Amino acid sequence: MKLYLASASPRRKELLKQIGLSFKTMPSTVEEKITKTEPQEVVEELSYQKAVDVCGRLTESGQEDFVVIGADTVVSCWGEILGKPADREDARGMLKKLQGGSHQVYTGVTLAWKYSGMAPMYHTFSECTDVTMYSMTEEEIARYVDSGEPMDKAGAYAIQGLCAAYIQGVCGDYNNVVGLPVGRVYQELRKRGLV
């Protein structure tokens, strides 16, 4: 079975390589449509859309015997979903909300697989990890935003980057916060005989 990652995220690629999976990347080009409001449902919905998009493109091109991994990550703070910041001001605002407290990181994953002559099959799940951050001064927030690191990250921070200086604790899967709960992904693939 050929494995495809429906994402251009360097962090997700790194995580899949870390566990020894060989794969190709084929980023989803679907326009994301959110119809849900709960963070868990939002990430599951978006991961499904990405997996369906790439699965459809592979099927149209005549590919058979493949697996697609679609994923989406959001941060939830006091019931508010924080995606990627629109600009530097947005990033500052997100970090002000997150610093000095706890929040949740949700990653939704959809596996789409297709055998020769059969219709595609899908399985969607999500993981939630609690993250607690130390307090940050206005100056520290500004310096972190100036680094540019927050700009393409859900919740405006990278736990594996410069923001590690402000992470007090993680309860749950650390890799989930990076962008993909690879342990769970591997187990779900293995359970279905896909690896």
Protein backbone atom coordinates (compact mmCIF):
# COMPACT_ATOMS: atom_id res chain seq x y z
CA MET A 1 0.00 0.00 0.00
CA LYS A 2 1.35 3.41 -0.95
CA LEU A 3 1.00 5.99 1.81
CA TYR A 4 0.14 9.64 1.12
CA LEU A 5 0.10 12.56 3.56
CA ALA A 6 -2.56 15.10 2.60
CA SER A 7 -0.50 17.94 4.07
CA ALA A 8 2.53 20.10 3.32
CA SER A 9 3.29 20.51 7.04
CA PRO A 10 7.01 19.95 7.67
CA ARG A 11 6.16 18.94 11.25
CA ARG A 12 3.77 16.18 10.17
CA LYS A 13 6.31 14.92 7.62
CA GLU A 14 9.00 14.81 10.30
CA LEU A 15 6.75 12.89 12.70
CA LEU A 16 5.87 10.22 10.10
CA LYS A 17 9.56 9.84 9.20
CA GLN A 18 10.38 9.53 12.91
CA ILE A 19 8.30 6.35 13.17
CA GLY A 20 9.82 4.88 10.01
CA LEU A 21 6.91 5.24 7.57
CA SER A 22 7.72 5.91 3.92
CA PHE A 23 5.19 8.15 2.21
CA LYS A 24 4.61 10.81 -0.40
CA THR A 25 3.06 14.18 0.27
CA MET A 26 0.05 15.35 -1.70
CA PRO A 27 -1.35 18.43 0.04
CA SER A 28 -5.11 18.84 -0.06
CA THR A 29 -6.35 21.74 -2.15
CA VAL A 30 -9.94 21.58 -0.93
CA GLU A 31 -11.56 24.76 0.36
CA GLU A 32 -12.14 23.96 4.03
CA LYS A 33 -15.75 24.32 5.18
CA ILE A 34 -16.50 24.27 8.89
CA THR A 35 -20.07 23.35 9.86
CA LYS A 36 -19.32 22.22 13.43
CA THR A 37 -18.59 24.26 16.57
CA GLU A 38 -16.94 21.80 18.98
CA PRO A 39 -13.13 21.65 18.54
CA GLN A 40 -13.06 17.84 18.33
CA GLU A 41 -15.76 17.84 15.65
CA VAL A 42 -14.10 20.69 13.72
CA VAL A 43 -10.74 18.92 13.39
CA GLU A 44 -12.40 15.63 12.49
CA GLU A 45 -14.52 17.38 9.84
CA LEU A 46 -11.52 19.18 8.32
CA SER A 47 -9.27 16.09 8.35
CA TYR A 48 -12.04 14.16 6.57
CA GLN A 49 -12.38 16.85 3.88
CA LYS A 50 -8.62 16.76 3.24
CA ALA A 51 -8.48 12.94 3.06
CA VAL A 52 -11.50 12.75 0.74
CA ASP A 53 -9.99 15.39 -1.56
CA VAL A 54 -6.66 13.58 -1.96
CA CYS A 55 -8.31 10.15 -2.14
CA GLY A 56 -10.54 11.43 -4.95
CA ARG A 57 -7.59 12.87 -6.88
CA LEU A 58 -5.63 9.61 -6.56
CA THR A 59 -8.65 7.56 -7.67
CA GLU A 60 -9.23 9.85 -10.68
CA SER A 61 -5.59 9.39 -11.72
CA GLY A 62 -6.07 5.61 -11.68
CA GLN A 63 -4.19 4.86 -8.46
CA GLU A 64 -5.13 1.75 -6.53
CA ASP A 65 -3.95 0.25 -3.22
CA PHE A 66 -3.18 3.40 -1.29
CA VAL A 67 -3.74 5.04 2.08
CA VAL A 68 -4.22 8.77 2.65
CA ILE A 69 -3.67 10.50 6.00
CA GLY A 70 -5.57 13.76 6.39
CA ALA A 71 -5.05 15.84 9.54
CA ASP A 72 -6.02 19.15 11.08
CA THR A 73 -5.01 20.77 14.36
CA VAL A 74 -6.60 23.56 16.41
CA VAL A 75 -6.05 25.05 19.83
CA SER A 76 -9.03 25.59 22.12
CA CYS A 77 -8.87 28.13 24.93
CA TRP A 78 -11.89 28.72 27.16
CA GLY A 79 -14.17 27.38 24.43
CA GLU A 80 -12.67 29.57 21.68
CA ILE A 81 -11.03 27.82 18.72
CA LEU A 82 -7.70 29.31 17.73
CA GLY A 83 -6.40 28.37 14.30
CA LYS A 84 -3.41 29.94 12.55
CA PRO A 85 -3.03 33.68 13.19
CA ALA A 86 -4.09 36.02 10.38
CA ASP A 87 -1.31 38.49 11.17
CA ARG A 88 1.15 39.57 13.86
CA GLU A 89 -1.53 41.34 15.90
CA ASP A 90 -3.69 38.23 15.84
CA ALA A 91 -0.68 36.14 16.96
CA ARG A 92 -0.06 38.54 19.89
CA GLY A 93 -3.71 38.32 20.91
CA MET A 94 -3.67 34.51 20.87
CA LEU A 95 -0.49 34.31 22.95
CA LYS A 96 -1.96 36.74 25.51
CA LYS A 97 -4.94 34.39 25.90
CA LEU A 98 -2.79 31.26 26.23
CA GLN A 99 -0.01 32.48 28.53
CA GLY A 100 -0.31 31.75 32.22
CA GLY A 101 -2.98 29.06 31.87
CA SER A 102 -4.03 25.76 30.32
CA HIS A 103 -5.60 25.04 26.96
CA GLN A 104 -6.36 22.05 24.76
CA VAL A 105 -4.82 21.04 21.44
CA TYR A 106 -7.02 18.90 19.18
CA THR A 107 -5.82 17.03 16.11
CA GLY A 108 -8.29 15.24 13.89
CA VAL A 109 -7.06 12.47 11.61
CA THR A 110 -8.83 10.69 8.77
CA LEU A 111 -7.45 7.58 7.14
CA ALA A 112 -8.76 6.92 3.63
CA TRP A 113 -7.76 3.71 1.89
CA LYS A 114 -8.63 2.02 -1.36
CA TYR A 115 -7.96 -1.45 -2.66
CA SER A 116 -8.16 -2.37 -6.37
CA GLY A 117 -11.73 -2.50 -7.60
CA MET A 118 -13.24 -1.41 -4.27
CA ALA A 119 -14.78 1.81 -3.03
CA PRO A 120 -12.65 3.90 -0.65
CA MET A 121 -13.02 3.32 3.09
CA TYR A 122 -12.60 5.94 5.81
CA HIS A 123 -11.84 6.08 9.51
CA THR A 124 -11.77 9.35 11.48
CA PHE A 125 -10.57 9.96 15.03
CA SER A 126 -9.09 12.75 17.13
CA GLU A 127 -6.72 13.28 20.05
CA CYS A 128 -6.80 15.99 22.71
CA THR A 129 -3.78 17.14 24.73
CA ASP A 130 -3.78 19.63 27.60
CA VAL A 131 -0.97 22.19 27.57
CA THR A 132 -0.12 24.58 30.41
CA MET A 133 1.97 27.66 29.70
CA TYR A 134 4.00 29.87 32.01
CA SER A 135 3.14 33.55 32.09
CA MET A 136 4.71 35.70 29.38
CA THR A 137 5.42 39.43 29.56
CA GLU A 138 4.31 41.77 26.75
CA GLU A 139 7.99 42.01 25.79
CA GLU A 140 8.38 38.22 25.62
CA ILE A 141 5.24 37.91 23.50
CA ALA A 142 6.49 40.65 21.15
CA ARG A 143 9.93 39.03 20.85
CA TYR A 144 8.36 35.64 20.10
CA VAL A 145 6.04 37.11 17.44
CA ASP A 146 9.03 38.95 15.93
CA SER A 147 10.77 35.58 15.49
CA GLY A 148 8.12 34.71 12.87
CA GLU A 149 7.66 31.24 14.34
CA PRO A 150 3.99 31.70 15.39
CA MET A 151 2.70 32.72 11.99
CA ASP A 152 1.79 29.32 10.51
CA LYS A 153 0.96 27.49 13.73
CA ALA A 154 -2.41 26.78 15.33
CA GLY A 155 -2.66 28.89 18.48
CA ALA A 156 0.36 30.94 17.32
CA TYR A 157 3.03 28.78 18.93
CA ALA A 158 5.34 25.84 18.26
CA ILE A 159 5.85 23.62 21.30
CA GLN A 160 8.95 22.11 19.65
CA GLY A 161 10.43 25.55 18.87
CA LEU A 162 11.25 28.75 20.72
CA CYS A 163 7.99 28.58 22.68
CA ALA A 164 9.36 25.56 24.58
CA ALA A 165 10.72 28.16 27.05
CA TYR A 166 7.14 28.89 28.13
CA ILE A 167 5.69 25.36 28.32
CA GLN A 168 5.02 24.35 31.91
CA GLY A 169 3.46 20.98 31.27
CA VAL A 170 1.78 18.64 28.81
CA CYS A 171 -0.88 16.09 29.72
CA GLY A 172 -1.43 13.69 26.83
CA ASP A 173 0.36 13.07 23.56
CA TYR A 174 3.17 15.61 22.98
CA ASN A 175 3.32 14.73 19.26
CA ASN A 176 -0.34 15.64 18.99
CA VAL A 177 0.61 19.22 19.92
CA VAL A 178 3.37 19.21 17.29
CA GLY A 179 0.70 18.31 14.72
CA LEU A 180 0.07 14.57 14.48
CA PRO A 181 -0.54 11.86 17.13
CA VAL A 182 1.75 9.44 15.29
CA GLY A 183 1.52 6.66 17.87
CA ARG A 184 -2.25 6.53 17.46
CA VAL A 185 -1.97 6.92 13.68
CA TYR A 186 0.36 3.92 13.49
CA GLN A 187 -1.87 1.80 15.74
CA GLU A 188 -4.98 2.65 13.67
CA LEU A 189 -3.14 1.77 10.43
CA ARG A 190 -1.85 -1.48 11.92
CA LYS A 191 -5.29 -2.46 13.23
CA ARG A 192 -6.60 -2.29 9.66
CA GLY A 193 -3.64 -4.10 8.09
CA LEU A 194 -2.51 -0.96 6.27
CA VAL A 195 1.14 -1.03 7.44
